[in-house]
Amino acid sequence: SYAQQVRRSGTPLYIMGGWRDELRDQGLIARMNIP
């Protein structure tokens, strides 16, 4: 809901996920939306 604010911050972001985690798609989607 606040993707624009996140992008505007320009703060470097590093995401971690796991192939056996129920949220494993969420980090990949976030990466697509935060350059």
PDB file of all heavy atoms in Angstrom:
ATOM      1  N   SER A   1       0.819  -1.213   0.000  1.00  0.00           N
ATOM      2  CA  SER A   1       0.000   0.000   0.000  1.00  0.00           C
ATOM      3  C   SER A   1       0.850   1.260   0.000  1.00  0.00           C
ATOM      4  O   SER A   1       0.348   2.351  -0.312  1.00  0.00           O
ATOM      5  CB  SER A   1      -0.933   0.012   1.225  1.00  0.00           C
ATOM      6  OG  SER A   1      -1.814  -1.090   1.204  1.00  0.00           O
ATOM      7  N   TYR A   2       2.112   1.125   0.360  1.00  0.00           N
ATOM      8  CA  TYR A   2       3.002   2.280   0.483  1.00  0.00           C
ATOM      9  C   TYR A   2       4.220   2.136  -0.433  1.00  0.00           C
ATOM     10  O   TYR A   2       5.298   2.645  -0.133  1.00  0.00           O
ATOM     11  CB  TYR A   2       3.446   2.421   1.954  1.00  0.00           C
ATOM     12  CG  TYR A   2       2.306   2.235   2.914  1.00  0.00           C
ATOM     13  CD1 TYR A   2       2.130   1.035   3.597  1.00  0.00           C
ATOM     14  CD2 TYR A   2       1.359   3.235   3.111  1.00  0.00           C
ATOM     15  CE1 TYR A   2       1.060   0.841   4.463  1.00  0.00           C
ATOM     16  CE2 TYR A   2       0.278   3.056   3.973  1.00  0.00           C
ATOM     17  CZ  TYR A   2       0.132   1.856   4.644  1.00  0.00           C
ATOM     18  OH  TYR A   2      -0.934   1.667   5.487  1.00  0.00           O
ATOM     19  N   ALA A   3       4.005   1.446  -1.557  1.00  0.00           N
ATOM     20  CA  ALA A   3       5.123   1.177  -2.468  1.00  0.00           C
ATOM     21  C   ALA A   3       5.788   2.461  -2.950  1.00  0.00           C
ATOM     22  O   ALA A   3       7.020   2.516  -3.085  1.00  0.00           O
ATOM     23  CB  ALA A   3       4.638   0.348  -3.650  1.00  0.00           C
ATOM     24  N   GLN A   4       4.993   3.484  -3.218  1.00  0.00           N
ATOM     25  CA  GLN A   4       5.568   4.738  -3.697  1.00  0.00           C
ATOM     26  C   GLN A   4       6.514   5.346  -2.666  1.00  0.00           C
ATOM     27  O   GLN A   4       7.587   5.839  -3.001  1.00  0.00           O
ATOM     28  CB  GLN A   4       4.460   5.731  -4.044  1.00  0.00           C
ATOM     29  CG  GLN A   4       3.834   5.514  -5.417  1.00  0.00           C
ATOM     30  CD  GLN A   4       4.796   5.851  -6.543  1.00  0.00           C
ATOM     31  OE1 GLN A   4       5.577   5.007  -6.991  1.00  0.00           O
ATOM     32  NE2 GLN A   4       4.756   7.091  -7.011  1.00  0.00           N
ATOM     33  N   GLN A   5       6.109   5.308  -1.387  1.00  0.00           N
ATOM     34  CA  GLN A   5       6.968   5.853  -0.332  1.00  0.00           C
ATOM     35  C   GLN A   5       8.264   5.056  -0.224  1.00  0.00           C
ATOM     36  O   GLN A   5       9.339   5.630  -0.031  1.00  0.00           O
ATOM     37  CB  GLN A   5       6.233   5.837   1.012  1.00  0.00           C
ATOM     38  CG  GLN A   5       5.073   6.826   1.101  1.00  0.00           C
ATOM     39  CD  GLN A   5       3.743   6.190   0.784  1.00  0.00           C
ATOM     40  OE1 GLN A   5       3.616   5.495  -0.237  1.00  0.00           O
ATOM     41  NE2 GLN A   5       2.748   6.419   1.626  1.00  0.00           N
ATOM     42  N   VAL A   6       8.168   3.738  -0.346  1.00  0.00           N
ATOM     43  CA  VAL A   6       9.370   2.908  -0.254  1.00  0.00           C
ATOM     44  C   VAL A   6      10.325   3.236  -1.395  1.00  0.00           C
ATOM     45  O   VAL A   6      11.530   3.407  -1.197  1.00  0.00           O
ATOM     46  CB  VAL A   6       9.006   1.421  -0.258  1.00  0.00           C
ATOM     47  CG1 VAL A   6      10.263   0.560  -0.319  1.00  0.00           C
ATOM     48  CG2 VAL A   6       8.172   1.064   0.975  1.00  0.00           C
ATOM     49  N   ARG A   7       9.777   3.310  -2.605  1.00  0.00           N
ATOM     50  CA  ARG A   7      10.630   3.634  -3.755  1.00  0.00           C
ATOM     51  C   ARG A   7      11.246   5.019  -3.618  1.00  0.00           C
ATOM     52  O   ARG A   7      12.413   5.241  -3.962  1.00  0.00           O
ATOM     53  CB  ARG A   7       9.823   3.519  -5.044  1.00  0.00           C
ATOM     54  CG  ARG A   7       9.529   2.088  -5.463  1.00  0.00           C
ATOM     55  CD  ARG A   7       8.954   2.037  -6.853  1.00  0.00           C
ATOM     56  NE  ARG A   7       7.582   2.513  -6.916  1.00  0.00           N
ATOM     57  CZ  ARG A   7       6.502   1.740  -6.836  1.00  0.00           C
ATOM     58  NH1 ARG A   7       6.636   0.431  -6.668  1.00  0.00           N
ATOM     59  NH2 ARG A   7       5.298   2.251  -6.907  1.00  0.00           N
ATOM     60  N   ARG A   8      10.475   5.957  -3.129  1.00  0.00           N
ATOM     61  CA  ARG A   8      10.963   7.328  -2.998  1.00  0.00           C
ATOM     62  C   ARG A   8      12.121   7.411  -2.000  1.00  0.00           C
ATOM     63  O   ARG A   8      13.021   8.245  -2.157  1.00  0.00           O
ATOM     64  CB  ARG A   8       9.817   8.243  -2.554  1.00  0.00           C
ATOM     65  CG  ARG A   8      10.147   9.731  -2.637  1.00  0.00           C
ATOM     66  CD  ARG A   8       8.943  10.580  -2.238  1.00  0.00           C
ATOM     67  NE  ARG A   8       7.820  10.341  -3.137  1.00  0.00           N
ATOM     68  CZ  ARG A   8       6.606   9.909  -2.743  1.00  0.00           C
ATOM     69  NH1 ARG A   8       6.386   9.658  -1.474  1.00  0.00           N
ATOM     70  NH2 ARG A   8       5.653   9.734  -3.617  1.00  0.00           N
ATOM     71  N   SER A   9      12.119   6.548  -0.996  1.00  0.00           N
ATOM     72  CA  SER A   9      13.186   6.602  -0.003  1.00  0.00           C
ATOM     73  C   SER A   9      14.543   6.264  -0.622  1.00  0.00           C
ATOM     74  O   SER A   9      15.567   6.802  -0.201  1.00  0.00           O
ATOM     75  CB  SER A   9      12.892   5.621   1.145  1.00  0.00           C
ATOM     76  OG  SER A   9      13.175   4.281   0.770  1.00  0.00           O
ATOM     77  N   GLY A  10      14.552   5.356  -1.601  1.00  0.00           N
ATOM     78  CA  GLY A  10      15.811   4.949  -2.222  1.00  0.00           C
ATOM     79  C   GLY A  10      16.749   4.215  -1.286  1.00  0.00           C
ATOM     80  O   GLY A  10      17.932   4.019  -1.605  1.00  0.00           O
ATOM     81  N   THR A  11      16.264   3.784  -0.150  1.00  0.00           N
ATOM     82  CA  THR A  11      17.106   3.108   0.836  1.00  0.00           C
ATOM     83  C   THR A  11      17.513   1.727   0.332  1.00  0.00           C
ATOM     84  O   THR A  11      16.650   0.941  -0.080  1.00  0.00           O
ATOM     85  CB  THR A  11      16.349   2.948   2.167  1.00  0.00           C
ATOM     86  OG1 THR A  11      15.893   4.240   2.591  1.00  0.00           O
ATOM     87  CG2 THR A  11      17.244   2.341   3.236  1.00  0.00           C
ATOM     88  N   PRO A  12      18.799   1.390   0.339  1.00  0.00           N
ATOM     89  CA  PRO A  12      19.223   0.050  -0.094  1.00  0.00           C
ATOM     90  C   PRO A  12      18.522  -1.049   0.713  1.00  0.00           C
ATOM     91  O   PRO A  12      18.431  -0.969   1.943  1.00  0.00           O
ATOM     92  CB  PRO A  12      20.729   0.057   0.157  1.00  0.00           C
ATOM     93  CG  PRO A  12      21.116   1.498   0.063  1.00  0.00           C
ATOM     94  CD  PRO A  12      19.962   2.250   0.654  1.00  0.00           C
ATOM     95  N   LEU A  13      18.059  -2.074  -0.002  1.00  0.00           N
ATOM     96  CA  LEU A  13      17.287  -3.147   0.608  1.00  0.00           C
ATOM     97  C   LEU A  13      17.843  -4.493   0.169  1.00  0.00           C
ATOM     98  O   LEU A  13      18.110  -4.706  -1.018  1.00  0.00           O
ATOM     99  CB  LEU A  13      15.815  -3.036   0.195  1.00  0.00           C
ATOM    100  CG  LEU A  13      14.882  -4.187   0.569  1.00  0.00           C
ATOM    101  CD1 LEU A  13      14.758  -4.318   2.084  1.00  0.00           C
ATOM    102  CD2 LEU A  13      13.504  -3.976  -0.065  1.00  0.00           C
ATOM    103  N   TYR A  14      18.005  -5.387   1.131  1.00  0.00           N
ATOM    104  CA  TYR A  14      18.448  -6.759   0.861  1.00  0.00           C
ATOM    105  C   TYR A  14      17.401  -7.678   1.486  1.00  0.00           C
ATOM    106  O   TYR A  14      17.101  -7.584   2.670  1.00  0.00           O
ATOM    107  CB  TYR A  14      19.821  -6.994   1.485  1.00  0.00           C
ATOM    108  CG  TYR A  14      20.627  -8.145   0.906  1.00  0.00           C
ATOM    109  CD1 TYR A  14      22.019  -8.113   0.950  1.00  0.00           C
ATOM    110  CD2 TYR A  14      20.033  -9.275   0.350  1.00  0.00           C
ATOM    111  CE1 TYR A  14      22.796  -9.150   0.440  1.00  0.00           C
ATOM    112  CE2 TYR A  14      20.798 -10.316  -0.169  1.00  0.00           C
ATOM    113  CZ  TYR A  14      22.176 -10.253  -0.115  1.00  0.00           C
ATOM    114  OH  TYR A  14      22.930 -11.290  -0.610  1.00  0.00           O
ATOM    115  N   ILE A  15      16.858  -8.608   0.660  1.00  0.00           N
ATOM    116  CA  ILE A  15      15.788  -9.503   1.082  1.00  0.00           C
ATOM    117  C   ILE A  15      16.317 -10.925   1.202  1.00  0.00           C
ATOM    118  O   ILE A  15      17.139 -11.359   0.410  1.00  0.00           O
ATOM    119  CB  ILE A  15      14.619  -9.460   0.066  1.00  0.00           C
ATOM    120  CG1 ILE A  15      13.971  -8.074   0.059  1.00  0.00           C
ATOM    121  CG2 ILE A  15      13.580 -10.525   0.357  1.00  0.00           C
ATOM    122  CD1 ILE A  15      12.960  -7.888  -1.061  1.00  0.00           C
ATOM    123  N   MET A  16      15.810 -11.657   2.192  1.00  0.00           N
ATOM    124  CA  MET A  16      16.127 -13.073   2.352  1.00  0.00           C
ATOM    125  C   MET A  16      14.831 -13.876   2.321  1.00  0.00           C
ATOM    126  O   MET A  16      13.813 -13.443   2.858  1.00  0.00           O
ATOM    127  CB  MET A  16      16.843 -13.306   3.676  1.00  0.00           C
ATOM    128  CG  MET A  16      16.945 -14.771   4.078  1.00  0.00           C
ATOM    129  SD  MET A  16      17.305 -14.931   5.838  1.00  0.00           S
ATOM    130  CE  MET A  16      16.723 -16.598   6.136  1.00  0.00           C
ATOM    131  N   GLY A  17      14.885 -15.068   1.685  1.00  0.00           N
ATOM    132  CA  GLY A  17      13.731 -15.956   1.675  1.00  0.00           C
ATOM    133  C   GLY A  17      14.164 -17.406   1.726  1.00  0.00           C
ATOM    134  O   GLY A  17      15.359 -17.718   1.723  1.00  0.00           O
ATOM    135  N   GLY A  18      13.180 -18.302   1.770  1.00  0.00           N
ATOM    136  CA  GLY A  18      13.462 -19.733   1.790  1.00  0.00           C
ATOM    137  C   GLY A  18      12.459 -20.484   0.939  1.00  0.00           C
ATOM    138  O   GLY A  18      11.266 -20.167   0.955  1.00  0.00           O
ATOM    139  N   TRP A  19      12.913 -21.477   0.198  1.00  0.00           N
ATOM    140  CA  TRP A  19      12.024 -22.236  -0.694  1.00  0.00           C
ATOM    141  C   TRP A  19      10.981 -23.045   0.071  1.00  0.00           C
ATOM    142  O   TRP A  19      10.026 -23.522  -0.524  1.00  0.00           O
ATOM    143  CB  TRP A  19      12.835 -23.169  -1.584  1.00  0.00           C
ATOM    144  CG  TRP A  19      13.684 -22.525  -2.624  1.00  0.00           C
ATOM    145  CD1 TRP A  19      14.979 -22.846  -2.939  1.00  0.00           C
ATOM    146  CD2 TRP A  19      13.322 -21.483  -3.548  1.00  0.00           C
ATOM    147  NE1 TRP A  19      15.433 -22.063  -3.971  1.00  0.00           N
ATOM    148  CE2 TRP A  19      14.440 -21.208  -4.366  1.00  0.00           C
ATOM    149  CE3 TRP A  19      12.154 -20.727  -3.741  1.00  0.00           C
ATOM    150  CZ2 TRP A  19      14.436 -20.233  -5.368  1.00  0.00           C
ATOM    151  CZ3 TRP A  19      12.148 -19.747  -4.734  1.00  0.00           C
ATOM    152  CH2 TRP A  19      13.266 -19.515  -5.532  1.00  0.00           C
ATOM    153  N   ARG A  20      11.147 -23.223   1.376  1.00  0.00           N
ATOM    154  CA  ARG A  20      10.153 -23.951   2.161  1.00  0.00           C
ATOM    155  C   ARG A  20       9.462 -23.040   3.165  1.00  0.00           C
ATOM    156  O   ARG A  20       8.911 -23.483   4.171  1.00  0.00           O
ATOM    157  CB  ARG A  20      10.805 -25.146   2.862  1.00  0.00           C
ATOM    158  CG  ARG A  20      11.181 -26.255   1.886  1.00  0.00           C
ATOM    159  CD  ARG A  20      11.866 -27.413   2.583  1.00  0.00           C
ATOM    160  NE  ARG A  20      13.250 -27.073   2.924  1.00  0.00           N
ATOM    161  CZ  ARG A  20      13.864 -27.492   4.029  1.00  0.00           C
ATOM    162  NH1 ARG A  20      13.223 -28.225   4.908  1.00  0.00           N
ATOM    163  NH2 ARG A  20      15.129 -27.169   4.241  1.00  0.00           N
ATOM    164  N   ASP A  21       9.446 -21.760   2.855  1.00  0.00           N
ATOM    165  CA  ASP A  21       8.747 -20.772   3.676  1.00  0.00           C
ATOM    166  C   ASP A  21       7.427 -20.421   3.007  1.00  0.00           C
ATOM    167  O   ASP A  21       7.367 -20.262   1.780  1.00  0.00           O
ATOM    168  CB  ASP A  21       9.619 -19.519   3.829  1.00  0.00           C
ATOM    169  CG  ASP A  21       8.899 -18.394   4.545  1.00  0.00           C
ATOM    170  OD1 ASP A  21       8.128 -18.698   5.475  1.00  0.00           O
ATOM    171  OD2 ASP A  21       9.109 -17.234   4.172  1.00  0.00           O
ATOM    172  N   GLU A  22       6.368 -20.277   3.769  1.00  0.00           N
ATOM    173  CA  GLU A  22       5.058 -19.954   3.199  1.00  0.00           C
ATOM    174  C   GLU A  22       5.012 -18.585   2.529  1.00  0.00           C
ATOM    175  O   GLU A  22       4.075 -18.284   1.796  1.00  0.00           O
ATOM    176  CB  GLU A  22       3.983 -20.020   4.286  1.00  0.00           C
ATOM    177  CG  GLU A  22       3.580 -21.435   4.650  1.00  0.00           C
ATOM    178  CD  GLU A  22       2.284 -21.478   5.431  1.00  0.00           C
ATOM    179  OE1 GLU A  22       1.950 -20.481   6.086  1.00  0.00           O
ATOM    180  OE2 GLU A  22       1.600 -22.505   5.373  1.00  0.00           O
ATOM    181  N   LEU A  23       6.010 -17.745   2.791  1.00  0.00           N
ATOM    182  CA  LEU A  23       6.020 -16.394   2.234  1.00  0.00           C
ATOM    183  C   LEU A  23       7.043 -16.244   1.112  1.00  0.00           C
ATOM    184  O   LEU A  23       7.432 -15.136   0.765  1.00  0.00           O
ATOM    185  CB  LEU A  23       6.325 -15.377   3.349  1.00  0.00           C
ATOM    186  CG  LEU A  23       5.400 -15.433   4.565  1.00  0.00           C
ATOM    187  CD1 LEU A  23       5.856 -14.457   5.629  1.00  0.00           C
ATOM    188  CD2 LEU A  23       3.960 -15.138   4.168  1.00  0.00           C
ATOM    189  N   ARG A  24       7.467 -17.361   0.510  1.00  0.00           N
ATOM    190  CA  ARG A  24       8.610 -17.305  -0.406  1.00  0.00           C
ATOM    191  C   ARG A  24       8.371 -16.493  -1.668  1.00  0.00           C
ATOM    192  O   ARG A  24       9.318 -16.024  -2.288  1.00  0.00           O
ATOM    193  CB  ARG A  24       9.050 -18.708  -0.774  1.00  0.00           C
ATOM    194  CG  ARG A  24       7.986 -19.612  -1.371  1.00  0.00           C
ATOM    195  CD  ARG A  24       8.544 -21.029  -1.476  1.00  0.00           C
ATOM    196  NE  ARG A  24       7.583 -22.027  -1.868  1.00  0.00           N
ATOM    197  CZ  ARG A  24       6.801 -22.689  -1.027  1.00  0.00           C
ATOM    198  NH1 ARG A  24       6.845 -22.406   0.261  1.00  0.00           N
ATOM    199  NH2 ARG A  24       5.964 -23.616  -1.463  1.00  0.00           N
ATOM    200  N   ASP A  25       7.134 -16.322  -2.087  1.00  0.00           N
ATOM    201  CA  ASP A  25       6.883 -15.497  -3.275  1.00  0.00           C
ATOM    202  C   ASP A  25       6.921 -14.009  -2.956  1.00  0.00           C
ATOM    203  O   ASP A  25       7.146 -13.184  -3.849  1.00  0.00           O
ATOM    204  CB  ASP A  25       5.533 -15.858  -3.899  1.00  0.00           C
ATOM    205  CG  ASP A  25       4.371 -15.577  -2.967  1.00  0.00           C
ATOM    206  OD1 ASP A  25       4.534 -15.674  -1.728  1.00  0.00           O
ATOM    207  OD2 ASP A  25       3.272 -15.264  -3.469  1.00  0.00           O
ATOM    208  N   GLN A  26       6.688 -13.645  -1.701  1.00  0.00           N
ATOM    209  CA  GLN A  26       6.503 -12.245  -1.336  1.00  0.00           C
ATOM    210  C   GLN A  26       7.776 -11.423  -1.509  1.00  0.00           C
ATOM    211  O   GLN A  26       7.732 -10.275  -1.954  1.00  0.00           O
ATOM    212  CB  GLN A  26       5.994 -12.146   0.102  1.00  0.00           C
ATOM    213  CG  GLN A  26       4.631 -12.780   0.321  1.00  0.00           C
ATOM    214  CD  GLN A  26       3.520 -12.017  -0.362  1.00  0.00           C
ATOM    215  OE1 GLN A  26       3.159 -10.917   0.066  1.00  0.00           O
ATOM    216  NE2 GLN A  26       2.975 -12.569  -1.440  1.00  0.00           N
ATOM    217  N   GLY A  27       8.924 -11.991  -1.167  1.00  0.00           N
ATOM    218  CA  GLY A  27      10.179 -11.267  -1.340  1.00  0.00           C
ATOM    219  C   GLY A  27      10.508 -11.032  -2.797  1.00  0.00           C
ATOM    220  O   GLY A  27      10.995  -9.959  -3.180  1.00  0.00           O
ATOM    221  N   LEU A  28      10.233 -12.032  -3.645  1.00  0.00           N
ATOM    222  CA  LEU A  28      10.491 -11.884  -5.081  1.00  0.00           C
ATOM    223  C   LEU A  28       9.590 -10.818  -5.688  1.00  0.00           C
ATOM    224  O   LEU A  28      10.021 -10.040  -6.548  1.00  0.00           O
ATOM    225  CB  LEU A  28      10.280 -13.224  -5.783  1.00  0.00           C
ATOM    226  CG  LEU A  28      11.375 -14.270  -5.520  1.00  0.00           C
ATOM    227  CD1 LEU A  28      10.895 -15.661  -5.905  1.00  0.00           C
ATOM    228  CD2 LEU A  28      12.657 -13.910  -6.269  1.00  0.00           C
ATOM    229  N   ILE A  29       8.340 -10.762  -5.239  1.00  0.00           N
ATOM    230  CA  ILE A  29       7.422  -9.732  -5.738  1.00  0.00           C
ATOM    231  C   ILE A  29       7.864  -8.352  -5.242  1.00  0.00           C
ATOM    232  O   ILE A  29       7.856  -7.376  -5.997  1.00  0.00           O
ATOM    233  CB  ILE A  29       5.982 -10.051  -5.318  1.00  0.00           C
ATOM    234  CG1 ILE A  29       5.496 -11.311  -6.045  1.00  0.00           C
ATOM    235  CG2 ILE A  29       5.047  -8.877  -5.608  1.00  0.00           C
ATOM    236  CD1 ILE A  29       4.174 -11.851  -5.533  1.00  0.00           C
ATOM    237  N   ALA A  30       8.265  -8.270  -3.978  1.00  0.00           N
ATOM    238  CA  ALA A  30       8.741  -6.991  -3.448  1.00  0.00           C
ATOM    239  C   ALA A  30       9.934  -6.490  -4.246  1.00  0.00           C
ATOM    240  O   ALA A  30      10.023  -5.299  -4.585  1.00  0.00           O
ATOM    241  CB  ALA A  30       9.115  -7.141  -1.973  1.00  0.00           C
ATOM    242  N   ARG A  31      10.861  -7.395  -4.583  1.00  0.00           N
ATOM    243  CA  ARG A  31      12.039  -6.991  -5.343  1.00  0.00           C
ATOM    244  C   ARG A  31      11.654  -6.405  -6.689  1.00  0.00           C
ATOM    245  O   ARG A  31      12.272  -5.441  -7.157  1.00  0.00           O
ATOM    246  CB  ARG A  31      12.979  -8.189  -5.533  1.00  0.00           C
ATOM    247  CG  ARG A  31      14.237  -7.811  -6.274  1.00  0.00           C
ATOM    248  CD  ARG A  31      15.045  -8.989  -6.762  1.00  0.00           C
ATOM    249  NE  ARG A  31      16.038  -8.500  -7.704  1.00  0.00           N
ATOM    250  CZ  ARG A  31      15.820  -8.310  -8.991  1.00  0.00           C
ATOM    251  NH1 ARG A  31      14.638  -8.614  -9.508  1.00  0.00           N
ATOM    252  NH2 ARG A  31      16.768  -7.832  -9.772  1.00  0.00           N
ATOM    253  N   MET A  32      10.636  -6.960  -7.338  1.00  0.00           N
ATOM    254  CA  MET A  32      10.203  -6.444  -8.638  1.00  0.00           C
ATOM    255  C   MET A  32       9.668  -5.021  -8.544  1.00  0.00           C
ATOM    256  O   MET A  32       9.691  -4.276  -9.523  1.00  0.00           O
ATOM    257  CB  MET A  32       9.106  -7.344  -9.232  1.00  0.00           C
ATOM    258  CG  MET A  32       9.579  -8.702  -9.693  1.00  0.00           C
ATOM    259  SD  MET A  32       8.311  -9.545 -10.658  1.00  0.00           S
ATOM    260  CE  MET A  32       8.338  -8.558 -12.174  1.00  0.00           C
ATOM    261  N   ASN A  33       9.197  -4.642  -7.372  1.00  0.00           N
ATOM    262  CA  ASN A  33       8.546  -3.350  -7.196  1.00  0.00           C
ATOM    263  C   ASN A  33       9.411  -2.309  -6.502  1.00  0.00           C
ATOM    264  O   ASN A  33       8.989  -1.168  -6.351  1.00  0.00           O
ATOM    265  CB  ASN A  33       7.245  -3.556  -6.407  1.00  0.00           C
ATOM    266  CG  ASN A  33       6.177  -4.253  -7.230  1.00  0.00           C
ATOM    267  OD1 ASN A  33       5.426  -3.622  -7.955  1.00  0.00           O
ATOM    268  ND2 ASN A  33       6.124  -5.580  -7.130  1.00  0.00           N
ATOM    269  N   ILE A  34      10.624  -2.713  -6.088  1.00  0.00           N
ATOM    270  CA  ILE A  34      11.536  -1.780  -5.424  1.00  0.00           C
ATOM    271  C   ILE A  34      12.872  -1.840  -6.159  1.00  0.00           C
ATOM    272  O   ILE A  34      13.672  -2.758  -5.938  1.00  0.00           O
ATOM    273  CB  ILE A  34      11.709  -2.142  -3.936  1.00  0.00           C
ATOM    274  CG1 ILE A  34      10.341  -2.231  -3.244  1.00  0.00           C
ATOM    275  CG2 ILE A  34      12.585  -1.097  -3.240  1.00  0.00           C
ATOM    276  CD1 ILE A  34      10.412  -2.772  -1.833  1.00  0.00           C
ATOM    277  N   PRO A  35      13.137  -0.926  -7.063  1.00  0.00           N
ATOM    278  CA  PRO A  35      14.363  -0.973  -7.877  1.00  0.00           C
ATOM    279  C   PRO A  35      15.620  -1.033  -7.023  1.00  0.00           C
ATOM    280  O   PRO A  35      15.714  -0.398  -5.971  1.00  0.00           O
ATOM    281  CB  PRO A  35      14.291   0.332  -8.676  1.00  0.00           C
ATOM    282  CG  PRO A  35      12.839   0.674  -8.730  1.00  0.00           C
ATOM    283  CD  PRO A  35      12.279   0.214  -7.421  1.00  0.00           C
TER     284      PRO A  35
END
